[in-house]
Amino acid sequence: MDIVFLGTSCMVPTKERNHSGIFLSYRGEGILVDCGEGIQRQLKIAEIKPTKITKIFLTHWHGDHVLGLPGLLQTLNSSEYEKKLEIYGPIGTKKSFEYMFKAFSFKIDFEYKIKELSNNNFSLKEIVVSSLLLEHKIPCLGFSFTEKDRRRIKPAIIKKLGIPDGPLLGELQNNKKITWKGKEILPKETTYLVKGKKISIILDTVLTKNVYSLAKDSNLLICESSYDSSLEEKAKEYKHLTAKQAALLASQTNVKKLVLTHISQRYKTPKILLEDAKDVFEDVCVAYDFMKLKI
């Protein structure tokens, strides 16, 4: 999976940080998580065509996470968008879209579907999605995106058997037995299973049981860190996390790599947040706009 951070700020954007937005691409899927103000400009700078978007996942309906939606939808509508756009969000998302269409007096002609989520698991073509309710001021979701497990060929065994490249190998990789030179060949003898990697995105919440469940065993945890540890009470009041809390979460849930985002405008440099987190969890960095990762 390829990840591009389009916006890494908190409530107020800065010269360096846009409102929230994360773009994931994997095997033909273009997944936009949150759509903050200015998202179209960020997409242009990142050289991502809006028409590459196939799914939009909204964590919640605070402005810094959704104010870019009207403009993005209008652009897609004028760009001869030919896909069926799938939009996922918390309970109330359908009603919010109704209000948005009325407020901006526009309609979209392409096909789209809105699905409201709470605690759900479902499968896209190549990815398993989990959503869990977080604890914020309004209904809010966290998401994980997990590659489906895939079978890989054991080259030495295939070479020994003399099976050529082509459909037969595809059958084995799809966990189906084949017949070769009159002999039955089983997937378990000729392939091995590669476990799919997991990305979890947790924004705008305090620590809850669902937060721990979502983060568990993530190869990459993208987690909000709105405050440093000296402002833990303020974080609790506004239902956000500190960098240290994000690091504690990662350390307690077998996370491989932690990326901090949703950075408050009060921090001219993220140094204090990184130091807070590194006291607890070593493999951590602070996201910046247009940062790219691949897992």
C-alpha atoms as a PDB file:
ATOM      1  CA  MET A   1       0.000   0.000   0.000  1.00  0.00           C
ATOM      2  CA  ASP A   2       1.147   3.506  -0.817  1.00  0.00           C
ATOM      3  CA  ILE A   3       0.261   6.351   1.548  1.00  0.00           C
ATOM      4  CA  VAL A   4       0.387  10.098   0.911  1.00  0.00           C
ATOM      5  CA  PHE A   5      -0.315  12.558   3.723  1.00  0.00           C
ATOM      6  CA  LEU A   6      -2.294  15.405   2.169  1.00  0.00           C
ATOM      7  CA  GLY A   7      -3.001  17.261   5.400  1.00  0.00           C
ATOM      8  CA  THR A   8      -1.519  16.885   8.871  1.00  0.00           C
ATOM      9  CA  SER A   9      -2.867  19.840  10.842  1.00  0.00           C
ATOM     10  CA  CYS A  10      -5.414  20.001  13.622  1.00  0.00           C
ATOM     11  CA  MET A  11      -8.393  22.415  13.743  1.00  0.00           C
ATOM     12  CA  VAL A  12      -6.527  25.370  12.200  1.00  0.00           C
ATOM     13  CA  PRO A  13      -4.334  24.929   9.101  1.00  0.00           C
ATOM     14  CA  THR A  14      -0.895  26.518   9.025  1.00  0.00           C
ATOM     15  CA  LYS A  15       1.513  27.569   6.285  1.00  0.00           C
ATOM     16  CA  GLU A  16       3.066  24.118   6.482  1.00  0.00           C
ATOM     17  CA  ARG A  17       0.087  21.927   7.388  1.00  0.00           C
ATOM     18  CA  ASN A  18      -3.274  21.554   5.653  1.00  0.00           C
ATOM     19  CA  HIS A  19      -6.493  20.231   7.162  1.00  0.00           C
ATOM     20  CA  SER A  20      -6.743  16.435   7.430  1.00  0.00           C
ATOM     21  CA  GLY A  21      -6.464  14.130   4.455  1.00  0.00           C
ATOM     22  CA  ILE A  22      -4.705  10.817   3.791  1.00  0.00           C
ATOM     23  CA  PHE A  23      -4.615   9.028   0.434  1.00  0.00           C
ATOM     24  CA  LEU A  24      -4.077   5.256   0.242  1.00  0.00           C
ATOM     25  CA  SER A  25      -3.592   3.448  -3.051  1.00  0.00           C
ATOM     26  CA  TYR A  26      -3.540  -0.304  -3.506  1.00  0.00           C
ATOM     27  CA  ARG A  27      -4.272  -2.488  -6.533  1.00  0.00           C
ATOM     28  CA  GLY A  28      -6.579  -0.055  -8.280  1.00  0.00           C
ATOM     29  CA  GLU A  29      -8.251   1.353  -5.181  1.00  0.00           C
ATOM     30  CA  GLY A  30      -7.780   5.032  -4.374  1.00  0.00           C
ATOM     31  CA  ILE A  31      -8.946   5.620  -0.818  1.00  0.00           C
ATOM     32  CA  LEU A  32      -9.220   9.130   0.595  1.00  0.00           C
ATOM     33  CA  VAL A  33      -9.512   9.236   4.379  1.00  0.00           C
ATOM     34  CA  ASP A  34     -10.991  12.609   5.368  1.00  0.00           C
ATOM     35  CA  CYS A  35     -11.388  15.572   3.090  1.00  0.00           C
ATOM     36  CA  GLY A  36     -10.370  18.748   4.869  1.00  0.00           C
ATOM     37  CA  GLU A  37     -10.421  22.264   3.481  1.00  0.00           C
ATOM     38  CA  GLY A  38      -7.932  22.741   0.642  1.00  0.00           C
ATOM     39  CA  ILE A  39      -7.802  19.060  -0.276  1.00  0.00           C
ATOM     40  CA  GLN A  40      -8.015  19.727  -4.028  1.00  0.00           C
ATOM     41  CA  ARG A  41      -4.914  21.895  -4.001  1.00  0.00           C
ATOM     42  CA  GLN A  42      -3.094  19.255  -1.970  1.00  0.00           C
ATOM     43  CA  LEU A  43      -4.047  16.599  -4.511  1.00  0.00           C
ATOM     44  CA  LYS A  44      -2.685  18.766  -7.322  1.00  0.00           C
ATOM     45  CA  ILE A  45       0.609  19.365  -5.537  1.00  0.00           C
ATOM     46  CA  ALA A  46       0.900  15.641  -4.809  1.00  0.00           C
ATOM     47  CA  GLU A  47       0.139  14.939  -8.498  1.00  0.00           C
ATOM     48  CA  ILE A  48      -2.836  12.741  -7.630  1.00  0.00           C
ATOM     49  CA  LYS A  49      -5.719  13.068 -10.070  1.00  0.00           C
ATOM     50  CA  PRO A  50      -9.042  13.393  -8.210  1.00  0.00           C
ATOM     51  CA  THR A  51     -10.509  10.801 -10.578  1.00  0.00           C
ATOM     52  CA  LYS A  52      -8.150   8.233  -9.013  1.00  0.00           C
ATOM     53  CA  ILE A  53     -10.354   8.323  -5.902  1.00  0.00           C
ATOM     54  CA  THR A  54     -12.662   5.299  -5.666  1.00  0.00           C
ATOM     55  CA  LYS A  55     -13.621   5.475  -1.980  1.00  0.00           C
ATOM     56  CA  ILE A  56     -13.934   8.264   0.591  1.00  0.00           C
ATOM     57  CA  PHE A  57     -13.847   7.397   4.291  1.00  0.00           C
ATOM     58  CA  LEU A  58     -14.868  10.145   6.722  1.00  0.00           C
ATOM     59  CA  THR A  59     -13.871   9.844  10.365  1.00  0.00           C
ATOM     60  CA  HIS A  60     -16.392  12.483  11.510  1.00  0.00           C
ATOM     61  CA  TRP A  61     -18.118  15.701  10.523  1.00  0.00           C
ATOM     62  CA  HIS A  62     -15.982  18.359  12.161  1.00  0.00           C
ATOM     63  CA  GLY A  63     -15.003  20.966   9.572  1.00  0.00           C
ATOM     64  CA  ASP A  64     -11.277  20.267   9.522  1.00  0.00           C
ATOM     65  CA  HIS A  65     -12.070  16.768   8.256  1.00  0.00           C
ATOM     66  CA  VAL A  66     -14.832  17.466   5.696  1.00  0.00           C
ATOM     67  CA  LEU A  67     -14.782  21.079   4.455  1.00  0.00           C
ATOM     68  CA  GLY A  68     -13.117  20.020   1.206  1.00  0.00           C
ATOM     69  CA  LEU A  69     -15.969  17.726   0.194  1.00  0.00           C
ATOM     70  CA  PRO A  70     -18.223  20.121  -1.776  1.00  0.00           C
ATOM     71  CA  GLY A  71     -15.437  21.347  -4.022  1.00  0.00           C
ATOM     72  CA  LEU A  72     -14.013  17.874  -4.589  1.00  0.00           C
ATOM     73  CA  LEU A  73     -17.406  16.467  -5.562  1.00  0.00           C
ATOM     74  CA  GLN A  74     -18.041  19.357  -7.956  1.00  0.00           C
ATOM     75  CA  THR A  75     -14.653  18.778  -9.574  1.00  0.00           C
ATOM     76  CA  LEU A  76     -15.360  15.067 -10.003  1.00  0.00           C
ATOM     77  CA  ASN A  77     -18.729  15.941 -11.519  1.00  0.00           C
ATOM     78  CA  SER A  78     -17.093  18.206 -14.101  1.00  0.00           C
ATOM     79  CA  SER A  79     -14.317  15.695 -14.845  1.00  0.00           C
ATOM     80  CA  GLU A  80     -16.506  13.019 -16.436  1.00  0.00           C
ATOM     81  CA  TYR A  81     -15.979  10.776 -13.417  1.00  0.00           C
ATOM     82  CA  GLU A  82     -17.045   7.308 -14.577  1.00  0.00           C
ATOM     83  CA  LYS A  83     -16.648   5.241 -11.436  1.00  0.00           C
ATOM     84  CA  LYS A  84     -19.228   4.583  -8.736  1.00  0.00           C
ATOM     85  CA  LEU A  85     -17.960   6.624  -5.795  1.00  0.00           C
ATOM     86  CA  GLU A  86     -18.384   4.905  -2.439  1.00  0.00           C
ATOM     87  CA  ILE A  87     -18.550   7.170   0.607  1.00  0.00           C
ATOM     88  CA  TYR A  88     -18.342   5.832   4.153  1.00  0.00           C
ATOM     89  CA  GLY A  89     -18.868   7.746   7.364  1.00  0.00           C
ATOM     90  CA  PRO A  90     -20.463   7.677  10.820  1.00  0.00           C
ATOM     91  CA  ILE A  91     -24.177   7.693  11.546  1.00  0.00           C
ATOM     92  CA  GLY A  92     -25.606  10.975  10.261  1.00  0.00           C
ATOM     93  CA  THR A  93     -23.482  11.091   7.106  1.00  0.00           C
ATOM     94  CA  LYS A  94     -26.465  10.737   4.749  1.00  0.00           C
ATOM     95  CA  LYS A  95     -28.265  13.627   6.434  1.00  0.00           C
ATOM     96  CA  SER A  96     -25.101  15.747   6.347  1.00  0.00           C
ATOM     97  CA  PHE A  97     -24.832  15.169   2.595  1.00  0.00           C
ATOM     98  CA  GLU A  98     -28.434  16.288   2.150  1.00  0.00           C
ATOM     99  CA  TYR A  99     -27.670  19.517   4.010  1.00  0.00           C
ATOM    100  CA  MET A 100     -24.484  20.014   2.001  1.00  0.00           C
ATOM    101  CA  PHE A 101     -26.218  19.634  -1.350  1.00  0.00           C
ATOM    102  CA  LYS A 102     -28.909  22.111  -0.289  1.00  0.00           C
ATOM    103  CA  ALA A 103     -26.411  24.615   1.105  1.00  0.00           C
ATOM    104  CA  PHE A 104     -24.244  24.669  -2.028  1.00  0.00           C
ATOM    105  CA  SER A 105     -27.105  24.293  -4.536  1.00  0.00           C
ATOM    106  CA  PHE A 106     -25.481  21.640  -6.676  1.00  0.00           C
ATOM    107  CA  LYS A 107     -26.049  18.057  -7.654  1.00  0.00           C
ATOM    108  CA  ILE A 108     -23.756  15.367  -8.914  1.00  0.00           C
ATOM    109  CA  ASP A 109     -24.538  13.319 -11.992  1.00  0.00           C
ATOM    110  CA  PHE A 110     -22.169  10.405 -11.450  1.00  0.00           C
ATOM    111  CA  GLU A 111     -23.195   7.328  -9.496  1.00  0.00           C
ATOM    112  CA  TYR A 112     -22.411   7.281  -5.786  1.00  0.00           C
ATOM    113  CA  LYS A 113     -23.323   5.356  -2.665  1.00  0.00           C
ATOM    114  CA  ILE A 114     -23.225   6.513   0.950  1.00  0.00           C
ATOM    115  CA  LYS A 115     -22.905   3.932   3.707  1.00  0.00           C
ATOM    116  CA  GLU A 116     -23.075   4.787   7.394  1.00  0.00           C
ATOM    117  CA  LEU A 117     -20.807   2.744   9.654  1.00  0.00           C
ATOM    118  CA  SER A 118     -20.404   2.033  13.338  1.00  0.00           C
ATOM    119  CA  ASN A 119     -18.568  -1.133  14.385  1.00  0.00           C
ATOM    120  CA  ASN A 120     -18.263  -2.896  11.032  1.00  0.00           C
ATOM    121  CA  ASN A 121     -16.074  -5.308   9.111  1.00  0.00           C
ATOM    122  CA  PHE A 122     -16.394  -5.645   5.361  1.00  0.00           C
ATOM    123  CA  SER A 123     -14.366  -6.560   2.323  1.00  0.00           C
ATOM    124  CA  LEU A 124     -13.382  -4.529  -0.693  1.00  0.00           C
ATOM    125  CA  LYS A 125     -11.843  -6.320  -3.672  1.00  0.00           C
ATOM    126  CA  GLU A 126      -8.344  -6.592  -2.219  1.00  0.00           C
ATOM    127  CA  ILE A 127      -8.703  -5.070   1.266  1.00  0.00           C
ATOM    128  CA  VAL A 128     -10.554  -5.896   4.469  1.00  0.00           C
ATOM    129  CA  VAL A 129     -11.889  -2.787   6.213  1.00  0.00           C
ATOM    130  CA  SER A 130     -12.695  -2.483   9.902  1.00  0.00           C
ATOM    131  CA  SER A 131     -14.388   0.526  11.451  1.00  0.00           C
ATOM    132  CA  LEU A 132     -14.853   1.109  15.167  1.00  0.00           C
ATOM    133  CA  LEU A 133     -16.538   3.901  17.083  1.00  0.00           C
ATOM    134  CA  LEU A 134     -14.165   6.264  18.868  1.00  0.00           C
ATOM    135  CA  GLU A 135     -14.933   8.706  21.678  1.00  0.00           C
ATOM    136  CA  HIS A 136     -15.065  12.316  20.504  1.00  0.00           C
ATOM    137  CA  LYS A 137     -17.447  15.275  20.780  1.00  0.00           C
ATOM    138  CA  ILE A 138     -19.563  13.930  17.908  1.00  0.00           C
ATOM    139  CA  PRO A 139     -19.861  10.455  16.304  1.00  0.00           C
ATOM    140  CA  CYS A 140     -16.382   9.493  15.117  1.00  0.00           C
ATOM    141  CA  LEU A 141     -14.828   6.431  13.516  1.00  0.00           C
ATOM    142  CA  GLY A 142     -11.405   4.877  13.340  1.00  0.00           C
ATOM    143  CA  PHE A 143     -10.459   2.640  10.420  1.00  0.00           C
ATOM    144  CA  SER A 144      -8.090  -0.176   9.619  1.00  0.00           C
ATOM    145  CA  PHE A 145      -7.265  -1.356   6.107  1.00  0.00           C
ATOM    146  CA  THR A 146      -5.760  -4.836   5.841  1.00  0.00           C
ATOM    147  CA  GLU A 147      -4.466  -6.476   2.691  1.00  0.00           C
ATOM    148  CA  LYS A 148      -6.006  -9.864   2.080  1.00  0.00           C
ATOM    149  CA  ASP A 149      -3.585 -12.728   2.695  1.00  0.00           C
ATOM    150  CA  ARG A 150      -1.942 -13.885  -0.523  1.00  0.00           C
ATOM    151  CA  ARG A 151      -0.217 -17.073  -1.607  1.00  0.00           C
ATOM    152  CA  ARG A 152       3.245 -16.930  -3.114  1.00  0.00           C
ATOM    153  CA  ILE A 153       4.884 -19.587  -5.252  1.00  0.00           C
ATOM    154  CA  LYS A 154       7.823 -21.632  -3.928  1.00  0.00           C
ATOM    155  CA  PRO A 155      10.168 -21.176  -6.930  1.00  0.00           C
ATOM    156  CA  ALA A 156      12.469 -24.107  -6.190  1.00  0.00           C
ATOM    157  CA  ILE A 157       9.611 -26.602  -5.996  1.00  0.00           C
ATOM    158  CA  ILE A 158       7.894 -25.222  -9.096  1.00  0.00           C
ATOM    159  CA  LYS A 159      11.174 -25.455 -11.020  1.00  0.00           C
ATOM    160  CA  LYS A 160      11.699 -29.030  -9.846  1.00  0.00           C
ATOM    161  CA  LEU A 161       8.188 -29.989 -10.975  1.00  0.00           C
ATOM    162  CA  GLY A 162       8.692 -28.189 -14.291  1.00  0.00           C
ATOM    163  CA  ILE A 163       5.444 -26.219 -14.118  1.00  0.00           C
ATOM    164  CA  PRO A 164       5.652 -23.289 -16.564  1.00  0.00           C
ATOM    165  CA  ASP A 165       4.557 -19.715 -15.938  1.00  0.00           C
ATOM    166  CA  GLY A 166       0.891 -19.257 -16.726  1.00  0.00           C
ATOM    167  CA  PRO A 167      -2.626 -20.124 -15.569  1.00  0.00           C
ATOM    168  CA  LEU A 168      -1.601 -23.197 -13.587  1.00  0.00           C
ATOM    169  CA  LEU A 169       0.524 -21.121 -11.235  1.00  0.00           C
ATOM    170  CA  GLY A 170      -2.376 -18.704 -10.892  1.00  0.00           C
ATOM    171  CA  GLU A 171      -4.616 -21.569  -9.807  1.00  0.00           C
ATOM    172  CA  LEU A 172      -2.134 -22.609  -7.140  1.00  0.00           C
ATOM    173  CA  GLN A 173      -1.877 -19.021  -5.888  1.00  0.00           C
ATOM    174  CA  ASN A 174      -5.671 -18.963  -5.654  1.00  0.00           C
ATOM    175  CA  ASN A 175      -5.441 -21.977  -3.337  1.00  0.00           C
ATOM    176  CA  LYS A 176      -6.708 -24.455  -5.920  1.00  0.00           C
ATOM    177  CA  LYS A 177      -5.169 -27.816  -6.692  1.00  0.00           C
ATOM    178  CA  ILE A 178      -4.051 -28.580 -10.243  1.00  0.00           C
ATOM    179  CA  THR A 179      -3.154 -31.614 -12.305  1.00  0.00           C
ATOM    180  CA  TRP A 180       0.281 -31.638 -13.922  1.00  0.00           C
ATOM    181  CA  LYS A 181       1.608 -34.552 -15.977  1.00  0.00           C
ATOM    182  CA  GLY A 182      -1.084 -36.786 -14.517  1.00  0.00           C
ATOM    183  CA  LYS A 183      -0.249 -35.901 -10.921  1.00  0.00           C
ATOM    184  CA  GLU A 184      -2.318 -33.866  -8.470  1.00  0.00           C
ATOM    185  CA  ILE A 185      -0.400 -30.817  -7.210  1.00  0.00           C
ATOM    186  CA  LEU A 186      -1.599 -29.175  -3.987  1.00  0.00           C
ATOM    187  CA  PRO A 187      -1.246 -25.485  -3.049  1.00  0.00           C
ATOM    188  CA  LYS A 188       0.105 -26.315   0.394  1.00  0.00           C
ATOM    189  CA  GLU A 189       3.057 -28.115  -1.223  1.00  0.00           C
ATOM    190  CA  THR A 190       3.916 -25.452  -3.796  1.00  0.00           C
ATOM    191  CA  THR A 191       2.957 -22.131  -2.201  1.00  0.00           C
ATOM    192  CA  TYR A 192       3.260 -20.296   1.082  1.00  0.00           C
ATOM    193  CA  LEU A 193       0.929 -17.784   2.703  1.00  0.00           C
ATOM    194  CA  VAL A 194       1.941 -14.129   3.060  1.00  0.00           C
ATOM    195  CA  LYS A 195      -0.059 -12.351   5.717  1.00  0.00           C
ATOM    196  CA  GLY A 196      -1.566  -9.058   4.569  1.00  0.00           C
ATOM    197  CA  LYS A 197      -0.265  -5.840   6.084  1.00  0.00           C
ATOM    198  CA  LYS A 198      -2.495  -3.647   8.217  1.00  0.00           C
ATOM    199  CA  ILE A 199      -2.780   0.141   8.325  1.00  0.00           C
ATOM    200  CA  SER A 200      -4.849   1.728  11.092  1.00  0.00           C
ATOM    201  CA  ILE A 201      -5.955   5.361  11.191  1.00  0.00           C
ATOM    202  CA  ILE A 202      -7.081   6.785  14.531  1.00  0.00           C
ATOM    203  CA  LEU A 203      -7.983  10.465  14.696  1.00  0.00           C
ATOM    204  CA  ASP A 204      -9.891  12.638  17.203  1.00  0.00           C
ATOM    205  CA  THR A 205     -10.446  10.429  20.237  1.00  0.00           C
ATOM    206  CA  VAL A 206      -9.410   9.589  23.757  1.00  0.00           C
ATOM    207  CA  LEU A 207      -8.057   6.142  24.608  1.00  0.00           C
ATOM    208  CA  THR A 208     -10.820   3.527  24.632  1.00  0.00           C
ATOM    209  CA  LYS A 209     -11.158  -0.226  24.276  1.00  0.00           C
ATOM    210  CA  ASN A 210     -12.016   0.220  20.589  1.00  0.00           C
ATOM    211  CA  VAL A 211      -8.866   2.269  20.033  1.00  0.00           C
ATOM    212  CA  TYR A 212      -6.740  -0.588  21.359  1.00  0.00           C
ATOM    213  CA  SER A 213      -8.662  -3.154  19.299  1.00  0.00           C
ATOM    214  CA  LEU A 214      -8.215  -1.173  16.111  1.00  0.00           C
ATOM    215  CA  ALA A 215      -4.494  -0.547  16.607  1.00  0.00           C
ATOM    216  CA  LYS A 216      -3.640  -4.145  17.527  1.00  0.00           C
ATOM    217  CA  ASP A 217      -0.998  -5.755  15.279  1.00  0.00           C
ATOM    218  CA  SER A 218      -0.875  -2.843  12.835  1.00  0.00           C
ATOM    219  CA  ASN A 219       2.133  -2.656  10.554  1.00  0.00           C
ATOM    220  CA  LEU A 220       1.481   1.079  10.456  1.00  0.00           C
ATOM    221  CA  LEU A 221      -0.520   3.102  12.970  1.00  0.00           C
ATOM    222  CA  ILE A 222      -1.395   6.645  11.912  1.00  0.00           C
ATOM    223  CA  CYS A 223      -2.540   8.315  15.096  1.00  0.00           C
ATOM    224  CA  GLU A 224      -3.513  11.789  16.162  1.00  0.00           C
ATOM    225  CA  SER A 225      -1.216  13.584  18.592  1.00  0.00           C
ATOM    226  CA  SER A 226      -2.798  16.977  19.015  1.00  0.00           C
ATOM    227  CA  TYR A 227      -0.920  17.841  22.213  1.00  0.00           C
ATOM    228  CA  ASP A 228       2.312  17.243  24.099  1.00  0.00           C
ATOM    229  CA  SER A 229       2.217  15.462  27.449  1.00  0.00           C
ATOM    230  CA  SER A 230       2.138  18.690  29.486  1.00  0.00           C
ATOM    231  CA  LEU A 231      -1.337  19.346  28.034  1.00  0.00           C
ATOM    232  CA  GLU A 232      -2.856  15.956  28.820  1.00  0.00           C
ATOM    233  CA  GLU A 233      -5.782  17.500  30.725  1.00  0.00           C
ATOM    234  CA  LYS A 234      -6.596  19.762  27.793  1.00  0.00           C
ATOM    235  CA  ALA A 235      -6.413  16.770  25.464  1.00  0.00           C
ATOM    236  CA  LYS A 236      -8.859  14.917  27.700  1.00  0.00           C
ATOM    237  CA  GLU A 237     -11.222  17.911  27.822  1.00  0.00           C
ATOM    238  CA  TYR A 238     -11.363  18.208  24.027  1.00  0.00           C
ATOM    239  CA  LYS A 239     -11.253  14.421  23.529  1.00  0.00           C
ATOM    240  CA  HIS A 240      -7.916  14.206  21.803  1.00  0.00           C
ATOM    241  CA  LEU A 241      -4.643  12.352  22.399  1.00  0.00           C
ATOM    242  CA  THR A 242      -1.163  13.443  23.352  1.00  0.00           C
ATOM    243  CA  ALA A 243       1.893  12.195  21.486  1.00  0.00           C
ATOM    244  CA  LYS A 244       2.878  10.134  24.518  1.00  0.00           C
ATOM    245  CA  GLN A 245      -0.560   8.500  24.669  1.00  0.00           C
ATOM    246  CA  ALA A 246      -0.270   7.602  20.985  1.00  0.00           C
ATOM    247  CA  ALA A 247       3.129   6.048  21.668  1.00  0.00           C
ATOM    248  CA  LEU A 248       1.801   4.113  24.666  1.00  0.00           C
ATOM    249  CA  LEU A 249      -0.988   2.805  22.469  1.00  0.00           C
ATOM    250  CA  ALA A 250       1.538   1.635  19.872  1.00  0.00           C
ATOM    251  CA  SER A 251       3.782   0.019  22.474  1.00  0.00           C
ATOM    252  CA  GLN A 252       0.893  -1.934  23.997  1.00  0.00           C
ATOM    253  CA  THR A 253      -0.672  -3.226  20.775  1.00  0.00           C
ATOM    254  CA  ASN A 254       2.240  -4.754  18.848  1.00  0.00           C
ATOM    255  CA  VAL A 255       2.418  -1.913  16.328  1.00  0.00           C
ATOM    256  CA  LYS A 256       5.427  -1.968  13.998  1.00  0.00           C
ATOM    257  CA  LYS A 257       5.594   1.724  13.043  1.00  0.00           C
ATOM    258  CA  LEU A 258       3.824   4.804  14.428  1.00  0.00           C
ATOM    259  CA  VAL A 259       3.179   8.030  12.520  1.00  0.00           C
ATOM    260  CA  LEU A 260       1.899  11.038  14.451  1.00  0.00           C
ATOM    261  CA  THR A 261      -0.475  13.460  12.735  1.00  0.00           C
ATOM    262  CA  HIS A 262      -3.268  15.987  13.464  1.00  0.00           C
ATOM    263  CA  ILE A 263      -0.725  18.428  14.873  1.00  0.00           C
ATOM    264  CA  SER A 264      -1.958  21.528  16.712  1.00  0.00           C
ATOM    265  CA  GLN A 265      -1.075  24.909  15.225  1.00  0.00           C
ATOM    266  CA  ARG A 266       0.537  25.859  18.548  1.00  0.00           C
ATOM    267  CA  TYR A 267       3.622  23.789  17.600  1.00  0.00           C
ATOM    268  CA  LYS A 268       5.972  25.634  15.257  1.00  0.00           C
ATOM    269  CA  THR A 269       8.119  22.512  15.273  1.00  0.00           C
ATOM    270  CA  PRO A 270       6.984  18.978  16.178  1.00  0.00           C
ATOM    271  CA  LYS A 271      10.183  18.317  18.150  1.00  0.00           C
ATOM    272  CA  ILE A 272       8.480  18.171  21.562  1.00  0.00           C
ATOM    273  CA  LEU A 273       5.850  15.739  20.252  1.00  0.00           C
ATOM    274  CA  LEU A 274       8.493  13.468  18.768  1.00  0.00           C
ATOM    275  CA  GLU A 275      10.515  13.526  22.003  1.00  0.00           C
ATOM    276  CA  ASP A 276       7.409  12.671  24.042  1.00  0.00           C
ATOM    277  CA  ALA A 277       6.647   9.719  21.803  1.00  0.00           C
ATOM    278  CA  LYS A 278      10.218   8.413  21.553  1.00  0.00           C
ATOM    279  CA  ASP A 279      10.381   8.153  25.334  1.00  0.00           C
ATOM    280  CA  VAL A 280       7.908   5.302  24.945  1.00  0.00           C
ATOM    281  CA  PHE A 281       8.105   3.943  21.381  1.00  0.00           C
ATOM    282  CA  GLU A 282      11.184   3.996  19.173  1.00  0.00           C
ATOM    283  CA  ASP A 283       9.905   3.564  15.609  1.00  0.00           C
ATOM    284  CA  VAL A 284       7.922   6.795  15.374  1.00  0.00           C
ATOM    285  CA  CYS A 285       7.906   9.878  13.177  1.00  0.00           C
ATOM    286  CA  VAL A 286       5.773  12.986  12.779  1.00  0.00           C
ATOM    287  CA  ALA A 287       3.933  13.262   9.481  1.00  0.00           C
ATOM    288  CA  TYR A 288       4.267  16.323   7.289  1.00  0.00           C
ATOM    289  CA  ASP A 289       2.213  17.365   4.271  1.00  0.00           C
ATOM    290  CA  PHE A 290       3.060  15.322   1.150  1.00  0.00           C
ATOM    291  CA  MET A 291       5.057  12.751   3.107  1.00  0.00           C
ATOM    292  CA  LYS A 292       4.939   9.382   1.333  1.00  0.00           C
ATOM    293  CA  LEU A 293       5.169   5.905   2.828  1.00  0.00           C
ATOM    294  CA  LYS A 294       4.989   2.424   1.372  1.00  0.00           C
ATOM    295  CA  ILE A 295       4.290  -0.737   3.324  1.00  0.00           C
END
